[in-house]
Amino acid sequence: MRFKTKDEVRRYIWSLMEKSGVSLPPHPCWGRIPNFRGAWDAANRLLEALQPNSLRPVLVSPDSPQRPVRLLLLRRGIPIIMPTPRLRRGYVYIDPQDIGGKYIRYASTLKGGLSLGRPIKELPHINIVIEGCVAVDRLGNRIGKGGGYGDREIKEARKLNPSVIVAVTCHSSQVLDRVPTDQWDEPINIISTERFLISLGVETEGNTQRGV
């Protein structure tokens, strides 16, 4: 199936996920990074592949479908950095050692992370970024909900570490053969779904990317 615009892709995915019943609250999924059935499986599959270093924080999207990723990392004793919504207040650093086991689940939520995390204005050097998406293709091109914040987060991380690994967790129905791209898009390296994982070598040259 061919798409001419990103908005066309978004409408297709949001409609598909609602009609098929794979979207989970918050509803409606329109206008959001959609939560989905199998988010826990996608999170577990990704972390098994990545084996993140407990000494390095991981940058994780604040969206609902990435909550399993945040919780699993915190339970493993791995600090996370969570962007505040629309990056209005920069980022928060959430260290499970500071929080204690009693509040780990709460800290993995958006509200809890903002409450218990330590505000930071700038990103430190990180090795892993985990984002959500509305759609992604098999070449590593990601489409968000249209605000550009995910691309901005990835770009900031790549400035500090050009070798940073960028992954998305999403439902398998969000993975398409090809999506429209713009020159400012930031490519990703790994796609993890409830059914499969795709690992991509990605070269970046200015604002262009290609699967390697």
Protein backbone atom coordinates (compact mmCIF):
# COMPACT_ATOMS: atom_id res chain seq x y z
CA MET A 1 0.00 0.00 0.00
CA ARG A 2 1.41 3.39 -1.02
CA PHE A 3 0.96 6.60 0.95
CA LYS A 4 1.55 10.11 -0.36
CA THR A 5 1.67 11.97 2.96
CA LYS A 6 2.43 11.29 6.60
CA ASP A 7 -1.06 12.40 7.61
CA GLU A 8 -2.48 9.76 5.29
CA VAL A 9 -0.38 7.16 7.12
CA ARG A 10 -1.53 8.43 10.51
CA ARG A 11 -5.19 8.27 9.58
CA TYR A 12 -4.75 4.77 8.20
CA ILE A 13 -2.98 3.45 11.31
CA TRP A 14 -5.30 5.09 13.85
CA SER A 15 -8.35 3.78 12.01
CA LEU A 16 -6.85 0.31 11.60
CA MET A 17 -5.90 0.00 15.27
CA GLU A 18 -9.31 1.12 16.48
CA LYS A 19 -11.25 -1.11 14.10
CA SER A 20 -9.08 -4.16 14.79
CA GLY A 21 -9.33 -3.70 18.56
CA VAL A 22 -5.57 -3.69 19.18
CA SER A 23 -5.49 -0.15 20.59
CA LEU A 24 -5.62 0.23 24.37
CA PRO A 25 -6.47 3.25 26.57
CA PRO A 26 -6.11 6.14 26.52
CA HIS A 27 -8.85 6.39 23.91
CA PRO A 28 -9.33 7.56 21.28
CA CYS A 29 -5.95 6.67 19.83
CA TRP A 30 -6.38 9.39 17.19
CA GLY A 31 -3.87 12.19 17.71
CA ARG A 32 -1.70 10.02 19.98
CA ILE A 33 1.18 7.61 19.95
CA PRO A 34 -1.26 4.69 20.24
CA ASN A 35 -1.11 2.26 23.14
CA PHE A 36 -1.52 -1.34 22.02
CA ARG A 37 -2.12 -4.94 22.99
CA GLY A 38 1.23 -6.67 23.29
CA ALA A 39 3.19 -3.64 24.55
CA TRP A 40 4.67 -5.77 27.34
CA ASP A 41 5.80 -8.42 24.87
CA ALA A 42 7.39 -5.76 22.66
CA ALA A 43 9.17 -4.23 25.66
CA ASN A 44 10.52 -7.57 26.89
CA ARG A 45 11.69 -8.56 23.41
CA LEU A 46 13.52 -5.26 22.98
CA LEU A 47 15.31 -5.36 26.33
CA GLU A 48 16.35 -8.97 25.76
CA ALA A 49 17.99 -7.84 22.53
CA LEU A 50 19.58 -4.68 23.91
CA GLN A 51 20.79 -5.87 27.33
CA PRO A 52 21.21 -2.26 28.54
CA ASN A 53 24.08 -1.36 30.87
CA SER A 54 22.82 -0.65 34.38
CA LEU A 55 25.36 2.17 34.73
CA ARG A 56 23.98 4.13 31.76
CA PRO A 57 20.58 5.86 31.74
CA VAL A 58 18.20 5.10 28.88
CA LEU A 59 16.12 7.83 27.23
CA VAL A 60 12.51 6.62 27.01
CA SER A 61 9.45 8.31 25.53
CA PRO A 62 6.78 9.46 28.06
CA ASP A 63 3.96 7.92 26.01
CA SER A 64 1.62 5.22 27.33
CA PRO A 65 2.85 2.32 25.13
CA GLN A 66 6.40 2.83 26.44
CA ARG A 67 5.38 2.53 30.09
CA PRO A 68 6.28 -1.21 30.11
CA VAL A 69 9.78 -0.28 28.91
CA ARG A 70 10.14 2.31 31.65
CA LEU A 71 8.93 -0.07 34.35
CA LEU A 72 11.12 -2.98 33.23
CA LEU A 73 14.21 -0.75 33.14
CA LEU A 74 13.53 0.68 36.59
CA ARG A 75 12.94 -2.80 38.00
CA ARG A 76 16.35 -3.80 36.65
CA GLY A 77 17.93 -0.90 38.48
CA ILE A 78 18.56 1.09 35.30
CA PRO A 79 17.99 4.87 35.46
CA ILE A 80 15.79 6.40 32.79
CA ILE A 81 15.56 9.85 31.31
CA MET A 82 12.05 10.86 30.32
CA PRO A 83 11.21 13.88 28.17
CA THR A 84 8.54 16.11 29.64
CA PRO A 85 5.47 16.47 27.39
CA ARG A 86 6.31 18.61 24.36
CA LEU A 87 9.72 19.16 26.01
CA ARG A 88 8.24 22.14 27.85
CA ARG A 89 10.34 21.44 30.94
CA GLY A 90 13.21 19.58 29.35
CA TYR A 91 13.80 16.13 30.81
CA VAL A 92 13.54 14.31 34.12
CA TYR A 93 16.12 11.84 35.44
CA ILE A 94 14.51 8.91 37.25
CA ASP A 95 16.93 6.81 39.31
CA PRO A 96 15.46 3.66 40.91
CA GLN A 97 18.14 3.80 43.60
CA ASP A 98 16.79 7.16 44.76
CA ILE A 99 13.13 6.16 44.55
CA GLY A 100 13.08 2.78 46.26
CA GLY A 101 11.12 -0.31 45.26
CA LYS A 102 7.86 0.86 46.78
CA TYR A 103 7.46 3.64 44.22
CA ILE A 104 8.91 2.01 41.10
CA ARG A 105 5.53 1.34 39.48
CA TYR A 106 4.36 4.89 40.13
CA ALA A 107 7.65 6.31 38.81
CA SER A 108 7.10 4.50 35.51
CA THR A 109 3.91 6.50 34.85
CA LEU A 110 3.97 9.95 33.30
CA LYS A 111 2.60 11.58 36.45
CA GLY A 112 4.90 9.64 38.75
CA GLY A 113 7.98 10.25 36.64
CA LEU A 114 7.36 13.98 36.59
CA SER A 115 6.77 13.95 40.35
CA LEU A 116 9.67 11.73 41.45
CA GLY A 117 12.21 12.46 38.73
CA ARG A 118 14.95 15.08 38.98
CA PRO A 119 14.63 17.86 36.38
CA ILE A 120 17.56 18.20 33.99
CA LYS A 121 17.82 20.80 31.25
CA GLU A 122 20.28 19.00 29.00
CA LEU A 123 20.77 15.39 28.02
CA PRO A 124 23.88 13.55 29.21
CA HIS A 125 25.74 11.09 26.99
CA ILE A 126 23.45 8.09 26.48
CA ASN A 127 23.69 4.87 24.49
CA ILE A 128 20.03 3.96 23.97
CA VAL A 129 16.88 5.88 23.00
CA ILE A 130 13.49 4.15 23.02
CA GLU A 131 10.59 5.92 21.32
CA GLY A 132 7.04 5.18 20.27
CA CYS A 133 5.57 5.82 16.85
CA VAL A 134 2.36 6.02 14.90
CA ALA A 135 4.02 4.09 12.08
CA VAL A 136 7.46 2.88 11.07
CA ASP A 137 8.76 1.23 7.93
CA ARG A 138 11.21 -1.60 7.39
CA LEU A 139 13.94 0.85 6.37
CA GLY A 140 13.88 2.56 9.77
CA ASN A 141 11.78 5.61 8.91
CA ARG A 142 9.56 6.61 11.82
CA ILE A 143 6.36 8.67 11.85
CA GLY A 144 5.20 10.26 15.10
CA LYS A 145 1.99 12.11 15.81
CA GLY A 146 3.19 15.24 14.03
CA GLY A 147 4.78 17.49 16.64
CA GLY A 148 8.39 16.62 15.82
CA TYR A 149 9.35 16.08 19.45
CA GLY A 150 10.53 12.50 19.02
CA ASP A 151 12.85 13.52 16.18
CA ARG A 152 14.15 16.38 18.31
CA GLU A 153 14.91 14.03 21.22
CA ILE A 154 16.72 11.60 18.93
CA LYS A 155 18.68 14.41 17.28
CA GLU A 156 19.85 15.77 20.64
CA ALA A 157 20.96 12.29 21.71
CA ARG A 158 22.85 11.78 18.43
CA LYS A 159 24.69 15.08 18.82
CA LEU A 160 26.20 13.75 22.05
CA ASN A 161 26.68 10.20 20.80
CA PRO A 162 26.55 9.57 17.03
CA SER A 163 26.51 5.81 17.73
CA VAL A 164 23.43 5.91 19.96
CA ILE A 165 20.99 3.06 19.32
CA VAL A 166 17.44 4.25 18.61
CA ALA A 167 14.59 1.77 18.98
CA VAL A 168 10.81 1.86 18.81
CA THR A 169 8.23 -0.41 20.41
CA CYS A 170 4.97 -0.68 18.49
CA HIS A 171 2.29 -3.08 17.32
CA SER A 172 3.09 -5.20 14.28
CA SER A 173 0.25 -3.51 12.38
CA GLN A 174 2.16 -0.22 12.66
CA VAL A 175 5.08 -1.63 10.66
CA LEU A 176 4.70 -0.77 6.96
CA ASP A 177 6.85 -1.47 3.92
CA ARG A 178 7.50 2.21 3.22
CA VAL A 179 6.35 5.55 4.62
CA PRO A 180 6.81 9.12 3.33
CA THR A 181 9.84 10.95 4.75
CA ASP A 182 11.08 14.48 5.30
CA GLN A 183 14.67 15.69 5.33
CA TRP A 184 14.59 16.37 9.09
CA ASP A 185 13.45 12.87 10.05
CA GLU A 186 15.72 10.88 12.36
CA PRO A 187 16.14 7.19 11.45
CA ILE A 188 15.88 4.33 13.91
CA ASN A 189 17.89 1.13 14.37
CA ILE A 190 15.51 -1.37 15.97
CA ILE A 191 11.78 -2.11 15.72
CA SER A 192 10.30 -4.32 18.44
CA THR A 193 6.71 -5.54 18.24
CA GLU A 194 4.58 -8.10 20.07
CA ARG A 195 5.47 -10.59 17.31
CA PHE A 196 8.94 -9.83 15.98
CA LEU A 197 12.06 -7.67 16.18
CA ILE A 198 13.74 -5.99 13.22
CA SER A 199 17.35 -4.83 13.59
CA LEU A 200 18.60 -2.31 11.05
CA GLY A 201 22.03 -0.94 10.38
CA VAL A 202 21.44 2.75 9.76
CA GLU A 203 23.85 5.24 8.26
CA THR A 204 23.19 8.92 8.75
CA GLU A 205 24.60 11.47 6.33
CA GLY A 206 23.38 14.92 7.21
CA ASN A 207 19.61 14.55 7.14
CA THR A 208 19.47 11.43 4.98
CA GLN A 209 19.35 7.79 6.00
CA ARG A 210 19.30 4.41 4.45
CA GLY A 211 19.15 0.84 5.64
CA VAL A 212 22.55 -0.81 5.44
